[in-house]
Amino acid sequence: MNIVLIGYRASGKTTVGRRLSALLGIPFRDTDEMIRQRTGKSVRQIVAEGGWPAFRDVEKTVVAGLSGLDGVVIALGGGAVTEKENVEAVKRKGLVIWLQADETSILERMGRETAGDEQRPPLRGGGMAEEVREMLAERTAVYRAHADLAVDTTGRSVEQIVVEIMSVIRARRIGIGV
């Protein structure tokens, strides 16, 4: 069984995923990082050269490879669940956890990030606040539809979020990690 974290940009997938991985004693994989390693390019470069469809194609390949693993914490890119193949792949062996955050928290977190636009290029034209609002409106139903569990990360520490997820893992007697 894998733990698969989904959610919008800056919802906490990578940070929470790393902490869960350490607590469970299992590997952590971040699809965006794997895409960078596989292509030698940032997300921005991939999108600039081939558009978002080119990025989604590489992402599908990475997700398909991860779906064969067992006992891994996986952080999916924010738009990965918009592709049916990705959802089918991760749900076979995964508990899918949607990390939610409100618009204000996402914008604050994005403002503090060091990766910046290279890893999180704009999805649309216009301002970042407008984009976040629109994308959350579009994707919330998708995240909800595919999640086995939703955890709100707004105003919460990584430890609080991880404690909640670990309690669900124990309550459901999911055999994973230590």
N, C-alpha and C. Protein backbone atom coordinates (compact mmCIF):
# COMPACT_ATOMS: atom_id res chain seq x y z
N MET A 1 0.85 -1.18 0.00
CA MET A 1 0.00 0.00 0.00
C MET A 1 0.89 1.24 0.00
N ASN A 2 0.50 2.21 -0.80
CA ASN A 2 1.20 3.49 -0.87
C ASN A 2 0.33 4.59 -0.25
N ILE A 3 0.96 5.64 0.20
CA ILE A 3 0.26 6.84 0.64
C ILE A 3 0.46 7.85 -0.48
N VAL A 4 -0.63 8.30 -1.09
CA VAL A 4 -0.56 9.21 -2.22
C VAL A 4 -1.18 10.55 -1.81
N LEU A 5 -0.38 11.60 -1.87
CA LEU A 5 -0.84 12.93 -1.49
C LEU A 5 -1.20 13.73 -2.73
N ILE A 6 -2.42 14.26 -2.74
CA ILE A 6 -2.88 15.09 -3.84
C ILE A 6 -3.29 16.45 -3.27
N GLY A 7 -3.43 17.42 -4.15
CA GLY A 7 -3.89 18.74 -3.74
C GLY A 7 -3.25 19.80 -4.61
N TYR A 8 -3.72 21.02 -4.43
CA TYR A 8 -3.24 22.13 -5.23
C TYR A 8 -1.82 22.50 -4.83
N ARG A 9 -1.17 23.28 -5.67
CA ARG A 9 0.17 23.79 -5.39
C ARG A 9 0.23 24.36 -3.98
N ALA A 10 1.33 24.12 -3.31
CA ALA A 10 1.60 24.70 -1.98
C ALA A 10 0.60 24.27 -0.91
N SER A 11 -0.06 23.14 -1.12
CA SER A 11 -0.97 22.63 -0.09
C SER A 11 -0.23 21.84 0.97
N GLY A 12 1.04 21.52 0.72
CA GLY A 12 1.85 20.82 1.72
C GLY A 12 2.25 19.41 1.34
N LYS A 13 2.01 19.01 0.10
CA LYS A 13 2.27 17.62 -0.30
C LYS A 13 3.71 17.18 -0.08
N THR A 14 4.65 17.99 -0.51
CA THR A 14 6.06 17.60 -0.39
C THR A 14 6.52 17.63 1.06
N THR A 15 6.19 18.67 1.77
CA THR A 15 6.62 18.80 3.17
C THR A 15 6.02 17.69 4.03
N VAL A 16 4.73 17.48 3.91
CA VAL A 16 4.04 16.43 4.67
C VAL A 16 4.54 15.06 4.22
N GLY A 17 4.71 14.89 2.92
CA GLY A 17 5.18 13.61 2.39
C GLY A 17 6.54 13.21 2.94
N ARG A 18 7.45 14.16 2.99
CA ARG A 18 8.79 13.87 3.54
C ARG A 18 8.70 13.44 5.01
N ARG A 19 7.85 14.13 5.76
CA ARG A 19 7.72 13.81 7.19
C ARG A 19 7.06 12.44 7.38
N LEU A 20 6.02 12.15 6.62
CA LEU A 20 5.38 10.83 6.70
C LEU A 20 6.37 9.73 6.34
N SER A 21 7.14 9.97 5.30
CA SER A 21 8.14 9.01 4.86
C SER A 21 9.12 8.69 5.99
N ALA A 22 9.59 9.73 6.65
CA ALA A 22 10.55 9.53 7.74
C ALA A 22 9.91 8.77 8.90
N LEU A 23 8.69 9.11 9.26
CA LEU A 23 8.01 8.44 10.38
C LEU A 23 7.71 6.97 10.07
N LEU A 24 7.31 6.72 8.84
CA LEU A 24 6.96 5.35 8.45
C LEU A 24 8.17 4.51 8.05
N GLY A 25 9.29 5.16 7.82
CA GLY A 25 10.50 4.44 7.41
C GLY A 25 10.39 3.88 6.00
N ILE A 26 9.72 4.62 5.14
CA ILE A 26 9.55 4.17 3.75
C ILE A 26 9.99 5.31 2.81
N PRO A 27 10.26 4.99 1.55
CA PRO A 27 10.72 6.01 0.61
C PRO A 27 9.66 7.07 0.30
N PHE A 28 10.14 8.23 -0.10
CA PHE A 28 9.29 9.33 -0.53
C PHE A 28 9.61 9.64 -1.98
N ARG A 29 8.60 9.84 -2.80
CA ARG A 29 8.78 10.23 -4.19
C ARG A 29 7.88 11.41 -4.50
N ASP A 30 8.46 12.41 -5.13
CA ASP A 30 7.74 13.60 -5.55
C ASP A 30 7.75 13.60 -7.08
N THR A 31 6.58 13.56 -7.69
CA THR A 31 6.53 13.42 -9.15
C THR A 31 7.18 14.61 -9.86
N ASP A 32 7.02 15.81 -9.33
CA ASP A 32 7.65 16.97 -9.98
C ASP A 32 9.17 16.85 -9.96
N GLU A 33 9.72 16.39 -8.84
CA GLU A 33 11.17 16.20 -8.74
C GLU A 33 11.63 15.09 -9.70
N MET A 34 10.85 14.03 -9.78
CA MET A 34 11.21 12.93 -10.68
C MET A 34 11.18 13.38 -12.14
N ILE A 35 10.25 14.26 -12.46
CA ILE A 35 10.17 14.79 -13.83
C ILE A 35 11.41 15.63 -14.13
N ARG A 36 11.83 16.44 -13.17
CA ARG A 36 13.06 17.23 -13.35
C ARG A 36 14.26 16.31 -13.56
N GLN A 37 14.35 15.26 -12.76
CA GLN A 37 15.48 14.32 -12.89
C GLN A 37 15.44 13.59 -14.23
N ARG A 38 14.27 13.18 -14.64
CA ARG A 38 14.12 12.42 -15.88
C ARG A 38 14.44 13.24 -17.12
N THR A 39 14.01 14.51 -17.11
CA THR A 39 14.15 15.35 -18.31
C THR A 39 15.36 16.28 -18.25
N GLY A 40 15.87 16.53 -17.05
CA GLY A 40 16.94 17.51 -16.89
C GLY A 40 16.45 18.94 -17.08
N LYS A 41 15.13 19.12 -16.99
CA LYS A 41 14.52 20.45 -17.22
C LYS A 41 13.57 20.78 -16.09
N SER A 42 13.42 22.08 -15.86
CA SER A 42 12.42 22.53 -14.89
C SER A 42 11.04 22.40 -15.53
N VAL A 43 10.03 22.48 -14.67
CA VAL A 43 8.66 22.45 -15.19
C VAL A 43 8.47 23.61 -16.17
N ARG A 44 8.97 24.77 -15.81
CA ARG A 44 8.84 25.95 -16.69
C ARG A 44 9.44 25.66 -18.07
N GLN A 45 10.62 25.05 -18.12
CA GLN A 45 11.26 24.76 -19.40
C GLN A 45 10.44 23.78 -20.23
N ILE A 46 9.94 22.74 -19.58
CA ILE A 46 9.12 21.75 -20.30
C ILE A 46 7.89 22.42 -20.89
N VAL A 47 7.22 23.23 -20.07
CA VAL A 47 6.00 23.92 -20.52
C VAL A 47 6.32 24.91 -21.63
N ALA A 48 7.43 25.63 -21.50
CA ALA A 48 7.82 26.62 -22.53
C ALA A 48 8.10 25.94 -23.86
N GLU A 49 8.70 24.75 -23.83
CA GLU A 49 9.06 24.05 -25.06
C GLU A 49 7.90 23.29 -25.69
N GLY A 50 7.04 22.69 -24.86
CA GLY A 50 6.00 21.85 -25.43
C GLY A 50 4.61 22.08 -24.90
N GLY A 51 4.46 23.07 -24.03
CA GLY A 51 3.15 23.36 -23.44
C GLY A 51 2.82 22.38 -22.32
N TRP A 52 1.69 22.64 -21.67
CA TRP A 52 1.28 21.76 -20.57
C TRP A 52 1.03 20.33 -21.04
N PRO A 53 0.57 20.08 -22.27
CA PRO A 53 0.42 18.68 -22.70
C PRO A 53 1.74 17.90 -22.66
N ALA A 54 2.85 18.55 -23.01
CA ALA A 54 4.15 17.88 -22.96
C ALA A 54 4.50 17.52 -21.52
N PHE A 55 4.24 18.45 -20.61
CA PHE A 55 4.50 18.17 -19.20
C PHE A 55 3.63 17.01 -18.71
N ARG A 56 2.34 17.03 -19.05
CA ARG A 56 1.42 15.97 -18.59
C ARG A 56 1.82 14.61 -19.15
N ASP A 57 2.38 14.56 -20.36
CA ASP A 57 2.84 13.29 -20.93
C ASP A 57 3.98 12.70 -20.10
N VAL A 58 4.95 13.54 -19.74
CA VAL A 58 6.07 13.07 -18.91
C VAL A 58 5.54 12.65 -17.55
N GLU A 59 4.63 13.43 -17.02
CA GLU A 59 4.04 13.14 -15.70
C GLU A 59 3.35 11.77 -15.70
N LYS A 60 2.61 11.47 -16.77
CA LYS A 60 1.93 10.17 -16.87
C LYS A 60 2.93 9.02 -16.83
N THR A 61 4.05 9.18 -17.51
CA THR A 61 5.09 8.15 -17.52
C THR A 61 5.65 7.95 -16.11
N VAL A 62 5.92 9.03 -15.42
CA VAL A 62 6.45 8.96 -14.06
C VAL A 62 5.44 8.30 -13.12
N VAL A 63 4.19 8.72 -13.19
CA VAL A 63 3.15 8.16 -12.32
C VAL A 63 2.95 6.68 -12.61
N ALA A 64 2.97 6.30 -13.87
CA ALA A 64 2.82 4.88 -14.22
C ALA A 64 3.94 4.06 -13.60
N GLY A 65 5.16 4.57 -13.62
CA GLY A 65 6.28 3.87 -13.00
C GLY A 65 6.11 3.75 -11.50
N LEU A 66 5.63 4.78 -10.86
CA LEU A 66 5.43 4.75 -9.41
C LEU A 66 4.31 3.81 -9.00
N SER A 67 3.34 3.64 -9.87
CA SER A 67 2.18 2.83 -9.51
C SER A 67 2.54 1.36 -9.30
N GLY A 68 3.67 0.94 -9.81
CA GLY A 68 4.11 -0.44 -9.60
C GLY A 68 4.80 -0.66 -8.27
N LEU A 69 5.11 0.42 -7.56
CA LEU A 69 5.79 0.30 -6.28
C LEU A 69 4.80 0.01 -5.16
N ASP A 70 5.34 -0.45 -4.04
CA ASP A 70 4.51 -0.72 -2.87
C ASP A 70 5.27 -0.23 -1.64
N GLY A 71 4.59 0.47 -0.75
CA GLY A 71 5.23 0.96 0.45
C GLY A 71 6.01 2.24 0.23
N VAL A 72 5.38 3.20 -0.46
CA VAL A 72 6.02 4.47 -0.79
C VAL A 72 5.05 5.61 -0.49
N VAL A 73 5.57 6.74 -0.04
CA VAL A 73 4.77 7.96 0.06
C VAL A 73 5.02 8.73 -1.24
N ILE A 74 3.94 9.08 -1.93
CA ILE A 74 4.03 9.75 -3.23
C ILE A 74 3.31 11.10 -3.17
N ALA A 75 4.01 12.15 -3.56
CA ALA A 75 3.40 13.48 -3.71
C ALA A 75 3.17 13.71 -5.19
N LEU A 76 1.92 13.78 -5.60
CA LEU A 76 1.59 14.04 -6.99
C LEU A 76 1.56 15.55 -7.25
N GLY A 77 1.93 15.93 -8.46
CA GLY A 77 1.80 17.32 -8.86
C GLY A 77 0.33 17.73 -8.77
N GLY A 78 0.08 19.02 -8.59
CA GLY A 78 -1.27 19.52 -8.37
C GLY A 78 -2.29 19.16 -9.43
N GLY A 79 -1.86 19.04 -10.68
CA GLY A 79 -2.79 18.73 -11.76
C GLY A 79 -2.79 17.28 -12.19
N ALA A 80 -2.01 16.44 -11.53
CA ALA A 80 -1.89 15.04 -11.95
C ALA A 80 -3.23 14.31 -11.93
N VAL A 81 -4.09 14.64 -10.98
CA VAL A 81 -5.37 13.93 -10.88
C VAL A 81 -6.38 14.39 -11.92
N THR A 82 -6.01 15.35 -12.74
CA THR A 82 -6.91 15.74 -13.83
C THR A 82 -6.80 14.76 -15.00
N GLU A 83 -5.82 13.86 -14.92
CA GLU A 83 -5.62 12.85 -15.96
C GLU A 83 -6.12 11.49 -15.44
N LYS A 84 -7.08 10.92 -16.12
CA LYS A 84 -7.71 9.66 -15.70
C LYS A 84 -6.68 8.55 -15.48
N GLU A 85 -5.69 8.45 -16.37
CA GLU A 85 -4.69 7.38 -16.25
C GLU A 85 -3.91 7.48 -14.95
N ASN A 86 -3.62 8.70 -14.53
CA ASN A 86 -2.87 8.89 -13.28
C ASN A 86 -3.70 8.43 -12.08
N VAL A 87 -4.96 8.78 -12.07
CA VAL A 87 -5.83 8.41 -10.96
C VAL A 87 -5.96 6.90 -10.88
N GLU A 88 -6.21 6.27 -12.01
CA GLU A 88 -6.34 4.81 -12.02
C GLU A 88 -5.06 4.15 -11.54
N ALA A 89 -3.92 4.67 -11.96
CA ALA A 89 -2.64 4.08 -11.59
C ALA A 89 -2.39 4.15 -10.08
N VAL A 90 -2.61 5.30 -9.47
CA VAL A 90 -2.28 5.43 -8.04
C VAL A 90 -3.32 4.81 -7.13
N LYS A 91 -4.55 4.70 -7.57
CA LYS A 91 -5.60 4.14 -6.70
C LYS A 91 -5.49 2.63 -6.56
N ARG A 92 -4.81 1.97 -7.50
CA ARG A 92 -4.66 0.52 -7.40
C ARG A 92 -4.02 0.08 -6.10
N LYS A 93 -2.98 0.79 -5.68
CA LYS A 93 -2.23 0.41 -4.48
C LYS A 93 -2.07 1.58 -3.53
N GLY A 94 -3.00 2.54 -3.57
CA GLY A 94 -2.76 3.73 -2.78
C GLY A 94 -3.94 4.23 -1.98
N LEU A 95 -3.64 4.71 -0.78
CA LEU A 95 -4.57 5.49 0.00
C LEU A 95 -4.35 6.92 -0.46
N VAL A 96 -5.36 7.53 -1.08
CA VAL A 96 -5.22 8.86 -1.66
C VAL A 96 -5.72 9.90 -0.66
N ILE A 97 -4.79 10.78 -0.27
CA ILE A 97 -5.10 11.80 0.74
C ILE A 97 -5.01 13.18 0.10
N TRP A 98 -6.12 13.90 0.17
CA TRP A 98 -6.20 15.25 -0.39
C TRP A 98 -5.81 16.25 0.69
N LEU A 99 -4.70 16.95 0.46
CA LEU A 99 -4.29 18.02 1.36
C LEU A 99 -4.91 19.32 0.85
N GLN A 100 -5.81 19.87 1.65
CA GLN A 100 -6.52 21.08 1.29
C GLN A 100 -5.87 22.28 1.97
N ALA A 101 -5.99 23.43 1.37
CA ALA A 101 -5.59 24.69 1.99
C ALA A 101 -6.43 25.79 1.37
N ASP A 102 -6.68 26.83 2.14
CA ASP A 102 -7.47 27.92 1.59
C ASP A 102 -6.59 28.80 0.69
N GLU A 103 -7.25 29.63 -0.07
CA GLU A 103 -6.56 30.48 -1.06
C GLU A 103 -5.49 31.35 -0.41
N THR A 104 -5.80 31.96 0.71
CA THR A 104 -4.85 32.84 1.39
C THR A 104 -3.59 32.08 1.80
N SER A 105 -3.77 30.90 2.38
CA SER A 105 -2.62 30.09 2.81
C SER A 105 -1.76 29.68 1.62
N ILE A 106 -2.39 29.29 0.54
CA ILE A 106 -1.65 28.89 -0.65
C ILE A 106 -0.82 30.06 -1.18
N LEU A 107 -1.42 31.22 -1.28
CA LEU A 107 -0.70 32.39 -1.78
C LEU A 107 0.46 32.76 -0.85
N GLU A 108 0.25 32.68 0.45
CA GLU A 108 1.33 32.97 1.40
C GLU A 108 2.47 31.98 1.24
N ARG A 109 2.14 30.70 1.14
CA ARG A 109 3.17 29.66 0.99
C ARG A 109 3.93 29.83 -0.32
N MET A 110 3.22 30.14 -1.38
CA MET A 110 3.87 30.32 -2.67
C MET A 110 4.82 31.51 -2.62
N GLY A 111 4.46 32.53 -1.87
CA GLY A 111 5.31 33.70 -1.73
C GLY A 111 6.59 33.41 -0.96
N ARG A 112 6.57 32.41 -0.09
CA ARG A 112 7.75 32.05 0.71
C ARG A 112 8.66 31.02 0.04
N GLU A 113 8.18 30.40 -1.04
CA GLU A 113 8.95 29.33 -1.66
C GLU A 113 10.22 29.82 -2.33
N THR A 114 11.23 28.96 -2.28
CA THR A 114 12.49 29.29 -2.96
C THR A 114 12.50 28.78 -4.40
N ALA A 115 11.71 27.75 -4.70
CA ALA A 115 11.70 27.19 -6.06
C ALA A 115 11.10 28.18 -7.06
N GLY A 116 10.10 28.92 -6.61
CA GLY A 116 9.51 29.97 -7.44
C GLY A 116 8.90 29.48 -8.74
N ASP A 117 8.93 30.36 -9.73
CA ASP A 117 8.29 30.10 -11.01
C ASP A 117 8.92 28.97 -11.81
N GLU A 118 10.16 28.63 -11.55
CA GLU A 118 10.79 27.54 -12.32
C GLU A 118 10.04 26.23 -12.11
N GLN A 119 9.61 25.98 -10.88
CA GLN A 119 8.89 24.76 -10.60
C GLN A 119 7.38 24.96 -10.56
N ARG A 120 6.95 26.17 -10.43
CA ARG A 120 5.52 26.44 -10.39
C ARG A 120 5.19 27.56 -11.37
N PRO A 121 5.36 27.32 -12.66
CA PRO A 121 5.04 28.37 -13.62
C PRO A 121 3.54 28.63 -13.65
N PRO A 122 3.15 29.81 -14.05
CA PRO A 122 1.72 30.11 -14.13
C PRO A 122 1.00 29.11 -15.03
N LEU A 123 -0.20 28.76 -14.61
CA LEU A 123 -1.02 27.85 -15.41
C LEU A 123 -1.82 28.62 -16.44
N ARG A 124 -2.01 29.90 -16.17
CA ARG A 124 -2.80 30.77 -17.04
C ARG A 124 -2.20 32.16 -17.00
N GLY A 125 -2.69 33.02 -17.87
CA GLY A 125 -2.31 34.43 -17.82
C GLY A 125 -3.03 35.09 -16.65
N GLY A 126 -2.63 36.27 -16.30
CA GLY A 126 -3.29 36.99 -15.21
C GLY A 126 -2.50 36.90 -13.93
N GLY A 127 -3.05 37.44 -12.88
CA GLY A 127 -2.38 37.47 -11.59
C GLY A 127 -2.45 36.15 -10.86
N MET A 128 -1.52 35.98 -9.92
CA MET A 128 -1.45 34.72 -9.18
C MET A 128 -2.70 34.50 -8.32
N ALA A 129 -3.19 35.54 -7.64
CA ALA A 129 -4.38 35.37 -6.80
C ALA A 129 -5.58 34.92 -7.63
N GLU A 130 -5.74 35.52 -8.79
CA GLU A 130 -6.84 35.15 -9.68
C GLU A 130 -6.68 33.70 -10.14
N GLU A 131 -5.45 33.33 -10.49
CA GLU A 131 -5.21 31.96 -10.94
C GLU A 131 -5.52 30.95 -9.84
N VAL A 132 -5.04 31.20 -8.64
CA VAL A 132 -5.28 30.28 -7.52
C VAL A 132 -6.78 30.14 -7.29
N ARG A 133 -7.49 31.24 -7.26
CA ARG A 133 -8.94 31.21 -7.04
C ARG A 133 -9.63 30.37 -8.12
N GLU A 134 -9.29 30.62 -9.38
CA GLU A 134 -9.92 29.89 -10.49
C GLU A 134 -9.58 28.41 -10.47
N MET A 135 -8.31 28.11 -10.24
CA MET A 135 -7.89 26.71 -10.27
C MET A 135 -8.48 25.92 -9.10
N LEU A 136 -8.55 26.54 -7.92
CA LEU A 136 -9.19 25.86 -6.79
C LEU A 136 -10.66 25.59 -7.10
N ALA A 137 -11.33 26.55 -7.72
CA ALA A 137 -12.73 26.37 -8.08
C ALA A 137 -12.89 25.20 -9.07
N GLU A 138 -11.96 25.09 -10.01
CA GLU A 138 -12.02 24.01 -11.00
C GLU A 138 -11.65 22.65 -10.42
N ARG A 139 -10.63 22.63 -9.59
CA ARG A 139 -10.06 21.34 -9.17
C ARG A 139 -10.63 20.77 -7.88
N THR A 140 -11.29 21.56 -7.08
CA THR A 140 -11.78 21.06 -5.80
C THR A 140 -12.65 19.82 -5.98
N ALA A 141 -13.56 19.84 -6.92
CA ALA A 141 -14.44 18.69 -7.14
C ALA A 141 -13.63 17.46 -7.58
N VAL A 142 -12.58 17.68 -8.37
CA VAL A 142 -11.74 16.58 -8.84
C VAL A 142 -10.98 15.96 -7.66
N TYR A 143 -10.38 16.82 -6.83
CA TYR A 143 -9.67 16.31 -5.65
C TYR A 143 -10.62 15.53 -4.75
N ARG A 144 -11.79 16.10 -4.50
CA ARG A 144 -12.77 15.46 -3.62
C ARG A 144 -13.19 14.09 -4.19
N ALA A 145 -13.41 14.03 -5.49
CA ALA A 145 -13.87 12.79 -6.10
C ALA A 145 -12.87 11.65 -5.98
N HIS A 146 -11.59 11.97 -5.97
CA HIS A 146 -10.57 10.92 -5.98
C HIS A 146 -9.95 10.63 -4.63
N ALA A 147 -10.27 11.43 -3.62
CA ALA A 147 -9.63 11.28 -2.32
C ALA A 147 -10.35 10.24 -1.45
N ASP A 148 -9.53 9.46 -0.76
CA ASP A 148 -10.05 8.55 0.27
C ASP A 148 -10.16 9.29 1.60
N LEU A 149 -9.41 10.37 1.72
CA LEU A 149 -9.37 11.16 2.95
C LEU A 149 -9.00 12.58 2.58
N ALA A 150 -9.63 13.56 3.23
CA ALA A 150 -9.28 14.97 3.04
C ALA A 150 -8.75 15.52 4.36
N VAL A 151 -7.63 16.22 4.29
CA VAL A 151 -7.02 16.81 5.48
C VAL A 151 -6.76 18.29 5.19
N ASP A 152 -7.33 19.16 6.02
CA ASP A 152 -7.14 20.59 5.84
C ASP A 152 -5.81 21.00 6.47
N THR A 153 -4.95 21.63 5.69
CA THR A 153 -3.63 22.03 6.17
C THR A 153 -3.60 23.50 6.57
N THR A 154 -4.70 24.21 6.39
CA THR A 154 -4.76 25.64 6.68
C THR A 154 -4.50 25.90 8.15
N GLY A 155 -3.49 26.72 8.44
CA GLY A 155 -3.20 27.12 9.81
C GLY A 155 -2.71 26.01 10.71
N ARG A 156 -2.26 24.91 10.13
CA ARG A 156 -1.82 23.76 10.94
C ARG A 156 -0.35 23.48 10.68
N SER A 157 0.31 22.95 11.69
CA SER A 157 1.71 22.58 11.55
C SER A 157 1.83 21.25 10.82
N VAL A 158 3.00 21.00 10.30
CA VAL A 158 3.26 19.72 9.64
C VAL A 158 3.00 18.58 10.62
N GLU A 159 3.43 18.74 11.86
CA GLU A 159 3.23 17.69 12.86
C GLU A 159 1.75 17.40 13.10
N GLN A 160 0.92 18.43 13.17
CA GLN A 160 -0.51 18.22 13.37
C GLN A 160 -1.12 17.46 12.20
N ILE A 161 -0.71 17.79 11.01
CA ILE A 161 -1.23 17.13 9.81
C ILE A 161 -0.79 15.67 9.78
N VAL A 162 0.47 15.44 10.08
CA VAL A 162 1.00 14.08 10.06
C VAL A 162 0.35 13.22 11.14
N VAL A 163 0.11 13.77 12.32
CA VAL A 163 -0.56 13.03 13.39
C VAL A 163 -1.95 12.59 12.92
N GLU A 164 -2.67 13.49 12.25
CA GLU A 164 -4.00 13.12 11.76
C GLU A 164 -3.92 11.99 10.74
N ILE A 165 -2.99 12.09 9.81
CA ILE A 165 -2.85 11.05 8.78
C ILE A 165 -2.42 9.72 9.42
N MET A 166 -1.48 9.78 10.34
CA MET A 166 -1.03 8.54 11.00
C MET A 166 -2.16 7.89 11.79
N SER A 167 -3.04 8.68 12.39
CA SER A 167 -4.16 8.10 13.13
C SER A 167 -5.11 7.37 12.19
N VAL A 168 -5.30 7.90 10.99
CA VAL A 168 -6.15 7.23 10.00
C VAL A 168 -5.49 5.93 9.54
N ILE A 169 -4.19 5.98 9.30
CA ILE A 169 -3.46 4.77 8.87
C ILE A 169 -3.61 3.68 9.93
N ARG A 170 -3.45 4.04 11.19
CA ARG A 170 -3.59 3.06 12.29
C ARG A 170 -5.03 2.58 12.41
N ALA A 171 -5.99 3.50 12.35
CA ALA A 171 -7.41 3.14 12.51
C ALA A 171 -7.87 2.20 11.41
N ARG A 172 -7.37 2.43 10.21
CA ARG A 172 -7.77 1.57 9.09
C ARG A 172 -6.90 0.32 8.99
N ARG A 173 -5.95 0.21 9.90
CA ARG A 173 -5.02 -0.93 9.94
C ARG A 173 -4.33 -1.15 8.59
N ILE A 174 -3.86 -0.04 8.06
CA ILE A 174 -3.15 -0.10 6.79
C ILE A 174 -1.72 -0.55 7.09
N GLY A 175 -1.34 -1.64 6.52
CA GLY A 175 0.01 -2.18 6.75
C GLY A 175 1.03 -1.49 5.87
N ILE A 176 1.69 -0.52 6.47
CA ILE A 176 2.71 0.23 5.71
C ILE A 176 3.78 0.70 6.68
N GLY A 177 4.99 0.63 6.26
CA GLY A 177 6.11 1.16 7.05
C GLY A 177 6.37 0.40 8.33
N VAL A 178 6.95 1.12 9.30
CA VAL A 178 7.35 0.49 10.56
C VAL A 178 6.22 0.41 11.54
